[in-house]
Amino acid sequence: MKKYSPNLKLKMFHQADAPLANGLTRSQLLHIDDNEFESNHGFIQWAFPTPEQSLHNFSAPILDIPDAIWLAEQESVSSFLEAMTERFLHFLSDNRYWIKAYDHNHLRISRAIQSLRILHSWELSQWFYEQVINLCGDHLSDMANAGSHWGRNVSSHHDRITGAVMGVAIGDAIGAPVEFRTRGTFAEVTSYQSGGAFDLPAGAWTDDTAMMLCLLDSLIAKSTFDASDALNRFCQWAEHGENSSTGVAVGIGQNTLRVLGDYRRTGRLEARASGTKNDGNGSLMRISPIAAFFHSDLALAREMASRQSRATHASEIAAQCCAFQVELLVRLINGEEFHSAKSRTLEKHKDTPLHRELVQDFRGMCSQEIPSTGYVLDTLRAAMWSVENSSTAESAMLLSANLGDDADTVAAVTGQIVGALYGYASIAKHLKIGLVAEREIYVKSQFVSLGAQNRLE
């Protein structure tokens, strides 16, 4: 992944302790007294930057993705955000005059919630929100729309969206070392490890995550699915290694390679059928950003899922699997229980091979009954088996990886589901720390979530 350089002023503020926060340095912000905390209206945008333009301080930083990634990668920034959150809470606790219908501190709280979620974690943002709600006590209903606005900014939707995105990368990285290996011929996969067909370092991922990130970037840039933009980004990955974990595109499938070559030559925006690889799982493995971005509109999410599938796969079953997976993910992101979400999603596919393969209860089924090939329906079925025979995100992805064969993609598709089901906050810390470019992917997932929220407002 490429290195990101932030806005020069942001870098000076955080690394050189420059007095840019309305005359204050970063270190001074932690020690200003309550009077200045209340009356100084220009520092909060520097303490808690967001992608939104301040209506009161036009010189304040506005986060874009490179800025946000750089900030999220800096341990000193994370520590500062934690300390600044504590300072803000002390101020709010000691000065209760903000607990009324309208007060400028309501906007400050909204800004802090969003900034913490983007730059640090949903967990810290949620904790801060809970402390604020506790301070409000019985007076929350008196504070106009502040409480509902804060709640939207820290909704568990954001955590489940991040889970659906990050689950692809985690599952991919877990399964990559045993991709192409026959089940039972390798030591049990218990976490990230190096090696495999592409000799990747531990925690690195392959084409599944790279193409997912290309699609995610396209959705952020275009606010919809734009086939031409997405295909151009896929080509940049294939040709130049953009959005890869090592700087080199690895794992590109025969069908994808042919389709991208055809697009470069002809500009064709839908794949044409050729050979026997049309029904592969390449469009399914990258689908989670579609569910994330369009989770408020199920019909549109299904339409976009099918369209993005047809951009690289001339396959009706691949398009059906993508539509199924997106609806399942949307239902999970919106808080529906897994078996209910699966059953209701399958209702749209009655009398199809997809329905016949997925309608069964996979709990307790032997792994020998579960093929893990690159055929799209095999991949989806193996993912369902993994989810239904586990109780945590980590155990589900490990089950998938240990099936071997197309292990990285089966685990990535499983990761989409369990990420949306359990949320990113539930995923084991060692899987976050050990993932290549974790902060970058996390921040991008937050911008997709922000884009989805903006569609509703």
Protein backbone atom coordinates (compact mmCIF):
# COMPACT_ATOMS: atom_id res chain seq x y z
CA MET A 1 0.00 0.00 0.00
CA LYS A 2 1.21 3.50 -0.72
CA LYS A 3 2.42 5.97 1.89
CA TYR A 4 0.13 8.91 2.56
CA SER A 5 1.21 12.48 3.24
CA PRO A 6 -1.20 14.77 5.06
CA ASN A 7 -2.03 18.41 4.66
CA LEU A 8 1.11 20.32 5.73
CA LYS A 9 -0.71 22.24 8.46
CA LEU A 10 -2.05 19.03 9.99
CA LYS A 11 1.44 17.59 9.98
CA MET A 12 2.86 20.73 11.63
CA PHE A 13 0.13 20.68 14.27
CA HIS A 14 0.68 17.04 15.19
CA GLN A 15 4.41 16.62 14.66
CA ALA A 16 5.86 20.09 15.28
CA ASP A 17 3.35 21.21 17.92
CA ALA A 18 2.64 24.33 15.85
CA PRO A 19 0.13 26.80 17.40
CA LEU A 20 -2.53 26.35 14.71
CA ALA A 21 -5.57 25.56 16.85
CA ASN A 22 -6.69 29.18 17.17
CA GLY A 23 -3.30 30.06 18.63
CA LEU A 24 -2.87 26.87 20.67
CA THR A 25 -0.54 23.92 20.19
CA ARG A 26 -1.64 20.31 20.44
CA SER A 27 0.01 19.89 23.84
CA GLN A 28 -1.59 23.08 25.16
CA LEU A 29 -5.08 21.86 24.26
CA LEU A 30 -4.91 19.23 26.95
CA HIS A 31 -4.25 21.82 29.65
CA ILE A 32 -6.43 24.84 28.84
CA ASP A 33 -8.81 25.85 31.61
CA ASP A 34 -12.56 25.51 31.35
CA ASN A 35 -13.13 29.19 30.57
CA GLU A 36 -10.93 29.03 27.51
CA PHE A 37 -12.37 25.63 26.56
CA GLU A 38 -15.78 27.29 26.44
CA SER A 39 -14.88 30.61 24.84
CA ASN A 40 -12.23 29.57 22.31
CA HIS A 41 -14.33 28.56 19.31
CA GLY A 42 -11.52 27.68 16.93
CA PHE A 43 -9.61 24.85 18.57
CA ILE A 44 -12.17 22.03 18.49
CA GLN A 45 -11.86 21.54 14.72
CA TRP A 46 -8.15 20.85 15.15
CA ALA A 47 -8.63 18.56 18.13
CA PHE A 48 -11.37 16.57 16.37
CA PRO A 49 -11.11 17.05 12.58
CA THR A 50 -13.84 15.66 10.30
CA PRO A 51 -14.57 15.68 6.55
CA GLU A 52 -17.11 18.47 7.04
CA GLN A 53 -16.37 22.16 6.60
CA SER A 54 -16.76 24.10 9.83
CA LEU A 55 -19.42 26.80 9.55
CA HIS A 56 -17.55 28.94 12.08
CA ASN A 57 -13.85 28.45 11.30
CA PHE A 58 -13.05 28.43 7.61
CA SER A 59 -9.33 27.92 8.23
CA ALA A 60 -9.95 24.67 10.10
CA PRO A 61 -8.76 21.41 8.51
CA ILE A 62 -11.20 19.35 6.44
CA LEU A 63 -10.34 15.67 6.43
CA ASP A 64 -9.92 13.88 3.15
CA ILE A 65 -8.96 10.22 2.90
CA PRO A 66 -5.15 10.70 2.71
CA ASP A 67 -5.25 13.05 5.73
CA ALA A 68 -7.42 10.65 7.70
CA ILE A 69 -5.27 7.61 6.90
CA TRP A 70 -2.08 9.41 7.92
CA LEU A 71 -3.63 10.58 11.19
CA ALA A 72 -5.06 7.14 11.97
CA GLU A 73 -1.66 5.54 11.43
CA GLN A 74 0.10 7.79 13.96
CA GLU A 75 0.22 6.32 17.47
CA SER A 76 0.77 9.79 18.92
CA VAL A 77 -2.46 10.99 17.30
CA SER A 78 -4.38 8.05 18.77
CA SER A 79 -2.99 8.85 22.21
CA PHE A 80 -3.86 12.52 21.80
CA LEU A 81 -7.44 11.67 20.76
CA GLU A 82 -7.84 9.47 23.83
CA ALA A 83 -6.48 12.19 26.13
CA MET A 84 -8.54 14.92 24.43
CA THR A 85 -11.68 12.83 24.82
CA GLU A 86 -11.03 12.59 28.56
CA ARG A 87 -10.43 16.35 28.74
CA PHE A 88 -13.66 17.08 26.88
CA LEU A 89 -15.62 14.83 29.23
CA HIS A 90 -14.14 16.56 32.28
CA PHE A 91 -15.24 19.90 30.85
CA LEU A 92 -18.75 18.62 30.13
CA SER A 93 -19.02 17.05 33.59
CA ASP A 94 -17.86 20.16 35.47
CA ASN A 95 -19.93 22.64 33.44
CA ARG A 96 -23.53 21.52 33.01
CA TYR A 97 -24.92 24.65 31.33
CA TRP A 98 -24.74 22.89 27.94
CA ILE A 99 -27.57 20.57 29.02
CA LYS A 100 -30.39 22.60 27.46
CA ALA A 101 -32.30 22.83 24.21
CA TYR A 102 -29.57 24.56 22.20
CA ASP A 103 -25.87 25.06 22.93
CA HIS A 104 -22.78 25.23 20.74
CA ASN A 105 -21.28 22.33 22.69
CA HIS A 106 -23.86 20.04 21.08
CA LEU A 107 -22.08 20.57 17.75
CA ARG A 108 -18.74 20.00 19.42
CA ILE A 109 -19.98 16.67 20.76
CA SER A 110 -21.21 15.65 17.30
CA ARG A 111 -17.84 16.55 15.81
CA ALA A 112 -15.94 14.56 18.45
CA ILE A 113 -18.13 11.47 17.97
CA GLN A 114 -17.58 11.45 14.22
CA SER A 115 -13.87 12.27 14.41
CA LEU A 116 -13.17 9.53 16.95
CA ARG A 117 -15.03 6.98 14.85
CA ILE A 118 -13.10 7.83 11.70
CA LEU A 119 -9.62 8.30 13.16
CA HIS A 120 -9.57 5.97 16.15
CA SER A 121 -12.35 3.41 16.57
CA TRP A 122 -16.07 2.98 16.81
CA GLU A 123 -15.51 1.69 20.35
CA LEU A 124 -13.96 4.95 21.61
CA SER A 125 -16.63 6.97 19.83
CA GLN A 126 -19.35 4.80 21.40
CA TRP A 127 -17.79 5.10 24.86
CA PHE A 128 -17.64 8.89 24.60
CA TYR A 129 -21.27 8.98 23.44
CA GLU A 130 -22.38 6.81 26.37
CA GLN A 131 -20.61 9.10 28.85
CA VAL A 132 -22.31 12.15 27.33
CA ILE A 133 -25.71 10.47 27.50
CA ASN A 134 -25.09 9.62 31.14
CA LEU A 135 -24.26 13.27 31.84
CA CYS A 136 -27.50 14.36 30.17
CA GLY A 137 -29.51 12.10 32.44
CA ASP A 138 -33.25 12.78 32.29
CA HIS A 139 -32.72 15.99 30.32
CA LEU A 140 -31.77 14.38 27.00
CA SER A 141 -35.30 14.79 25.65
CA ASP A 142 -35.07 18.54 26.33
CA MET A 143 -32.10 18.96 23.98
CA ALA A 144 -33.94 19.33 20.66
CA ASN A 145 -32.43 16.95 18.09
CA ALA A 146 -28.96 16.68 19.61
CA GLY A 147 -29.36 13.18 21.03
CA SER A 148 -30.70 11.67 17.81
CA HIS A 149 -27.93 13.32 15.78
CA TRP A 150 -25.27 11.98 18.13
CA GLY A 151 -26.89 8.56 17.93
CA ARG A 152 -26.74 8.50 14.13
CA ASN A 153 -23.04 9.34 14.23
CA VAL A 154 -22.30 6.42 16.53
CA SER A 155 -24.90 3.95 15.28
CA SER A 156 -23.86 0.30 15.24
CA HIS A 157 -24.47 0.46 11.47
CA HIS A 158 -21.03 2.04 11.24
CA ASP A 159 -19.39 -0.84 13.12
CA ARG A 160 -21.15 -3.49 11.04
CA ILE A 161 -20.27 -1.70 7.80
CA THR A 162 -16.64 -1.65 8.87
CA GLY A 163 -16.91 -5.31 9.80
CA ALA A 164 -18.26 -6.23 6.36
CA VAL A 165 -15.35 -4.40 4.69
CA MET A 166 -12.57 -5.43 7.07
CA GLY A 167 -13.83 -9.01 7.13
CA VAL A 168 -12.85 -9.39 3.49
CA ALA A 169 -9.25 -8.42 4.18
CA ILE A 170 -8.95 -10.49 7.36
CA GLY A 171 -10.46 -13.59 5.81
CA ASP A 172 -8.35 -13.17 2.68
CA ALA A 173 -5.14 -12.82 4.71
CA ILE A 174 -5.98 -15.85 6.86
CA GLY A 175 -6.73 -18.05 3.85
CA ALA A 176 -4.07 -16.84 1.41
CA PRO A 177 -1.21 -19.07 2.66
CA VAL A 178 -3.24 -22.24 2.01
CA GLU A 179 -4.88 -21.20 -1.26
CA PHE A 180 -4.61 -23.99 -3.85
CA ARG A 181 -3.77 -26.51 -1.11
CA THR A 182 -5.80 -29.69 -0.81
CA ARG A 183 -7.81 -30.01 2.37
CA GLY A 184 -6.05 -32.08 5.01
CA THR A 185 -2.58 -31.73 3.47
CA PHE A 186 -1.50 -28.70 5.53
CA ALA A 187 -1.17 -27.86 9.20
CA GLU A 188 -4.29 -26.35 10.71
CA VAL A 189 -4.55 -22.62 10.11
CA THR A 190 -4.93 -20.82 13.46
CA SER A 191 -4.04 -17.22 12.52
CA TYR A 192 -2.06 -15.22 9.98
CA GLN A 193 1.03 -16.89 8.59
CA SER A 194 3.54 -16.15 5.86
CA GLY A 195 4.17 -18.12 2.68
CA GLY A 196 1.70 -19.69 0.31
CA ALA A 197 1.63 -19.69 -3.46
CA PHE A 198 2.57 -16.00 -3.60
CA ASP A 199 5.07 -16.09 -0.70
CA LEU A 200 3.27 -13.28 1.11
CA PRO A 201 4.21 -11.94 4.54
CA ALA A 202 1.87 -12.76 7.41
CA GLY A 203 -1.25 -10.58 7.35
CA ALA A 204 -0.98 -9.74 3.66
CA TRP A 205 -3.93 -10.21 1.34
CA THR A 206 -4.56 -10.92 -2.33
CA ASP A 207 -6.84 -9.98 -5.23
CA ASP A 208 -10.03 -10.39 -3.16
CA THR A 209 -9.23 -7.40 -0.96
CA ALA A 210 -7.49 -5.39 -3.67
CA MET A 211 -10.53 -5.51 -5.95
CA MET A 212 -12.83 -4.82 -3.01
CA LEU A 213 -10.80 -1.67 -2.25
CA CYS A 214 -10.95 -0.60 -5.90
CA LEU A 215 -14.73 -0.91 -5.80
CA LEU A 216 -14.87 0.90 -2.47
CA ASP A 217 -12.72 3.77 -3.79
CA SER A 218 -14.97 4.04 -6.82
CA LEU A 219 -18.13 4.24 -4.71
CA ILE A 220 -16.60 7.00 -2.58
CA ALA A 221 -15.50 8.95 -5.65
CA LYS A 222 -18.70 8.55 -7.68
CA SER A 223 -21.38 8.09 -5.00
CA THR A 224 -22.80 5.25 -7.07
CA PHE A 225 -21.61 2.23 -9.03
CA ASP A 226 -19.87 3.53 -12.14
CA ALA A 227 -18.70 0.58 -14.25
CA SER A 228 -16.12 2.56 -16.21
CA ASP A 229 -14.55 4.04 -13.08
CA ALA A 230 -14.50 0.68 -11.31
CA LEU A 231 -12.96 -1.10 -14.30
CA ASN A 232 -10.30 1.59 -14.61
CA ARG A 233 -9.39 1.07 -10.96
CA PHE A 234 -9.28 -2.71 -11.45
CA CYS A 235 -6.88 -2.12 -14.35
CA GLN A 236 -4.68 0.15 -12.24
CA TRP A 237 -4.46 -2.63 -9.67
CA ALA A 238 -3.70 -5.32 -12.26
CA GLU A 239 -1.15 -3.22 -14.15
CA HIS A 240 0.48 -1.18 -11.38
CA GLY A 241 -0.33 -2.91 -8.10
CA GLU A 242 -2.52 -0.08 -6.75
CA ASN A 243 -4.52 -1.18 -3.69
CA SER A 244 -2.37 -4.30 -3.31
CA SER A 245 -0.83 -5.33 0.01
CA THR A 246 2.70 -5.66 -1.39
CA GLY A 247 2.79 -3.26 -4.33
CA VAL A 248 2.27 -6.09 -6.81
CA ALA A 249 -1.04 -7.53 -8.02
CA VAL A 250 -1.28 -11.18 -7.03
CA GLY A 251 -3.99 -13.79 -7.49
CA ILE A 252 -5.65 -12.27 -10.53
CA GLY A 253 -7.97 -14.85 -12.10
CA GLN A 254 -7.99 -15.87 -15.74
CA ASN A 255 -11.49 -14.49 -16.30
CA THR A 256 -10.68 -11.13 -14.68
CA LEU A 257 -7.45 -10.80 -16.66
CA ARG A 258 -9.28 -11.48 -19.93
CA VAL A 259 -12.14 -9.08 -19.12
CA LEU A 260 -9.82 -6.25 -18.13
CA GLY A 261 -7.82 -6.72 -21.31
CA ASP A 262 -11.04 -6.61 -23.29
CA TYR A 263 -12.07 -3.41 -21.48
CA ARG A 264 -8.73 -1.75 -22.28
CA ARG A 265 -9.12 -2.66 -25.95
CA THR A 266 -12.83 -1.97 -26.50
CA GLY A 267 -14.19 0.00 -23.54
CA ARG A 268 -16.81 -2.69 -23.01
CA LEU A 269 -18.60 -2.21 -19.67
CA GLU A 270 -20.14 -5.70 -19.44
CA ALA A 271 -18.14 -8.89 -19.64
CA ARG A 272 -18.73 -11.22 -22.57
CA ALA A 273 -18.89 -14.97 -22.10
CA SER A 274 -15.75 -16.87 -23.03
CA GLY A 275 -14.37 -20.25 -22.00
CA THR A 276 -15.36 -22.03 -18.78
CA LYS A 277 -14.41 -19.47 -16.09
CA ASN A 278 -17.48 -17.21 -16.28
CA ASP A 279 -19.09 -18.63 -13.12
CA GLY A 280 -16.16 -17.86 -10.84
CA ASN A 281 -16.32 -16.10 -7.48
CA GLY A 282 -14.42 -12.93 -8.43
CA SER A 283 -17.42 -10.61 -8.36
CA LEU A 284 -18.75 -12.12 -5.12
CA MET A 285 -15.53 -11.69 -3.15
CA ARG A 286 -15.50 -7.89 -3.55
CA ILE A 287 -19.21 -7.17 -3.00
CA SER A 288 -19.34 -5.82 0.56
CA PRO A 289 -18.83 -2.11 -0.29
CA ILE A 290 -22.04 -2.25 -2.35
CA ALA A 291 -23.98 -3.47 0.68
CA ALA A 292 -22.30 -0.86 2.86
CA PHE A 293 -22.99 2.08 0.59
CA PHE A 294 -26.58 1.17 -0.32
CA HIS A 295 -27.73 -0.44 2.92
CA SER A 296 -30.66 1.96 3.21
CA ASP A 297 -32.15 0.87 -0.14
CA LEU A 298 -32.38 -2.89 -0.54
CA ALA A 299 -33.72 -2.89 -4.11
CA LEU A 300 -30.98 -0.51 -5.27
CA ALA A 301 -28.32 -2.55 -3.46
CA ARG A 302 -29.44 -5.71 -5.32
CA GLU A 303 -29.44 -3.88 -8.65
CA MET A 304 -25.96 -2.47 -8.10
CA ALA A 305 -24.69 -5.87 -6.96
CA SER A 306 -25.79 -7.47 -10.20
CA ARG A 307 -24.40 -4.61 -12.29
CA GLN A 308 -20.98 -4.77 -10.68
CA SER A 309 -20.94 -8.55 -11.17
CA ARG A 310 -21.72 -8.28 -14.88
CA ALA A 311 -18.87 -5.82 -15.33
CA THR A 312 -16.40 -8.72 -15.01
CA HIS A 313 -18.49 -11.91 -15.07
CA ALA A 314 -20.83 -12.91 -17.90
CA SER A 315 -22.67 -15.26 -15.57
CA GLU A 316 -26.25 -15.30 -14.35
CA ILE A 317 -25.42 -17.47 -11.35
CA ALA A 318 -22.61 -15.08 -10.33
CA ALA A 319 -25.03 -12.13 -10.56
CA GLN A 320 -27.62 -14.05 -8.51
CA CYS A 321 -25.05 -14.91 -5.85
CA CYS A 322 -23.98 -11.27 -5.64
CA ALA A 323 -27.59 -10.12 -5.31
CA PHE A 324 -28.19 -12.72 -2.60
CA GLN A 325 -25.01 -11.82 -0.71
CA VAL A 326 -25.70 -8.10 -0.85
CA GLU A 327 -29.23 -8.51 0.47
CA LEU A 328 -27.97 -10.76 3.25
CA LEU A 329 -25.30 -8.20 4.17
CA VAL A 330 -27.76 -5.31 4.06
CA ARG A 331 -30.10 -7.14 6.42
CA LEU A 332 -27.23 -7.92 8.79
CA ILE A 333 -25.90 -4.36 8.67
CA ASN A 334 -29.39 -3.19 9.56
CA GLY A 335 -29.38 -5.44 12.62
CA GLU A 336 -31.38 -8.46 11.50
CA GLU A 337 -30.64 -11.87 13.04
CA PHE A 338 -28.66 -14.18 10.74
CA HIS A 339 -31.14 -17.03 10.16
CA SER A 340 -34.00 -14.60 9.63
CA ALA A 341 -31.88 -12.60 7.16
CA LYS A 342 -30.88 -15.76 5.29
CA SER A 343 -34.45 -17.08 5.10
CA ARG A 344 -35.95 -13.79 3.92
CA THR A 345 -33.21 -13.31 1.34
CA LEU A 346 -33.70 -16.82 -0.05
CA GLU A 347 -37.39 -16.08 -0.65
CA LYS A 348 -36.39 -14.10 -3.74
CA HIS A 349 -34.55 -17.11 -5.21
CA LYS A 350 -37.13 -19.92 -5.00
CA ASP A 351 -36.87 -22.67 -7.61
CA THR A 352 -33.27 -21.77 -8.43
CA PRO A 353 -30.02 -23.73 -7.91
CA LEU A 354 -28.99 -21.05 -5.41
CA HIS A 355 -32.06 -21.71 -3.29
CA ARG A 356 -31.59 -25.48 -3.43
CA GLU A 357 -27.94 -25.20 -2.35
CA LEU A 358 -28.40 -22.66 0.45
CA VAL A 359 -31.84 -23.38 1.94
CA GLN A 360 -30.55 -26.28 4.03
CA ASP A 361 -29.45 -25.95 7.63
CA PHE A 362 -25.66 -26.35 7.59
CA ARG A 363 -25.26 -26.74 11.35
CA GLY A 364 -23.50 -29.98 12.15
CA MET A 365 -22.86 -30.86 8.49
CA CYS A 366 -19.52 -32.58 7.87
CA SER A 367 -16.88 -30.50 6.08
CA GLN A 368 -16.42 -33.30 3.55
CA GLU A 369 -19.81 -32.35 2.14
CA ILE A 370 -18.60 -28.79 1.50
CA PRO A 371 -16.54 -28.13 -1.65
CA SER A 372 -14.44 -24.96 -1.57
CA THR A 373 -13.72 -24.43 -5.24
CA GLY A 374 -13.70 -21.20 -7.21
CA TYR A 375 -17.20 -21.88 -8.56
CA VAL A 376 -19.27 -19.03 -7.15
CA LEU A 377 -22.04 -21.17 -5.66
CA ASP A 378 -19.52 -23.49 -4.00
CA THR A 379 -17.87 -20.45 -2.43
CA LEU A 380 -21.14 -19.03 -1.12
CA ARG A 381 -22.24 -22.42 0.22
CA ALA A 382 -18.91 -22.94 1.99
CA ALA A 383 -19.19 -19.49 3.55
CA MET A 384 -22.69 -20.29 4.82
CA TRP A 385 -21.45 -23.56 6.30
CA SER A 386 -18.61 -21.73 8.07
CA VAL A 387 -20.91 -19.09 9.55
CA GLU A 388 -23.51 -21.58 10.72
CA ASN A 389 -20.94 -23.81 12.40
CA SER A 390 -19.22 -21.09 14.42
CA SER A 391 -20.05 -18.57 17.12
CA THR A 392 -17.45 -15.85 16.47
CA ALA A 393 -16.09 -14.03 13.45
CA GLU A 394 -12.62 -15.47 13.98
CA SER A 395 -13.75 -19.10 14.27
CA ALA A 396 -15.87 -18.78 11.12
CA MET A 397 -12.99 -17.43 9.03
CA LEU A 398 -10.64 -20.12 10.36
CA LEU A 399 -13.16 -22.82 9.43
CA SER A 400 -13.29 -21.39 5.90
CA ALA A 401 -9.53 -21.19 5.51
CA ASN A 402 -9.03 -24.77 6.65
CA LEU A 403 -11.25 -25.99 3.82
CA GLY A 404 -8.30 -25.32 1.51
CA ASP A 405 -8.55 -25.00 -2.27
CA ASP A 406 -9.87 -21.44 -2.91
CA ALA A 407 -9.33 -20.79 0.78
CA ASP A 408 -8.65 -17.07 0.59
CA THR A 409 -11.86 -16.26 -1.26
CA VAL A 410 -14.06 -18.57 0.81
CA ALA A 411 -12.65 -16.98 3.97
CA ALA A 412 -13.06 -13.47 2.49
CA VAL A 413 -16.73 -14.11 1.65
CA THR A 414 -17.21 -15.59 5.12
CA GLY A 415 -15.50 -12.48 6.52
CA GLN A 416 -18.05 -10.23 4.80
CA ILE A 417 -20.91 -12.07 6.51
CA VAL A 418 -19.48 -12.38 10.02
CA GLY A 419 -18.15 -8.83 9.89
CA ALA A 420 -21.64 -7.53 9.15
CA LEU A 421 -23.15 -9.93 11.68
CA TYR A 422 -20.86 -9.34 14.66
CA GLY A 423 -19.30 -5.95 13.82
CA TYR A 424 -15.65 -4.99 13.66
CA ALA A 425 -15.53 -4.25 17.39
CA SER A 426 -16.05 -7.97 18.07
CA ILE A 427 -13.09 -9.15 16.00
CA ALA A 428 -10.04 -10.33 17.92
CA LYS A 429 -7.41 -7.63 18.48
CA HIS A 430 -4.55 -9.74 17.12
CA LEU A 431 -6.33 -10.00 13.76
CA LYS A 432 -6.56 -6.22 13.59
CA ILE A 433 -2.98 -5.52 14.64
CA GLY A 434 -1.52 -8.16 12.32
CA LEU A 435 -3.39 -7.12 9.17
CA VAL A 436 -1.37 -5.31 6.53
CA ALA A 437 -2.67 -1.73 6.05
CA GLU A 438 -5.38 -2.20 8.69
CA ARG A 439 -5.64 1.53 9.42
CA GLU A 440 -5.94 2.42 5.75
CA ILE A 441 -8.75 -0.05 5.10
CA TYR A 442 -10.47 0.95 8.33
CA VAL A 443 -10.49 4.64 7.40
CA LYS A 444 -11.78 3.91 3.91
CA SER A 445 -14.60 1.84 5.42
CA GLN A 446 -15.52 4.87 7.53
CA PHE A 447 -15.71 7.09 4.46
CA VAL A 448 -18.02 4.56 2.78
CA SER A 449 -20.15 4.57 5.91
CA LEU A 450 -20.16 8.37 5.88
CA GLY A 451 -21.22 8.33 2.22
CA ALA A 452 -24.05 5.94 3.06
CA GLN A 453 -25.16 8.20 5.92
CA ASN A 454 -25.06 11.26 3.69
CA ARG A 455 -27.43 9.53 1.24
CA LEU A 456 -30.04 9.56 4.01
CA GLU A 457 -29.63 13.20 5.05
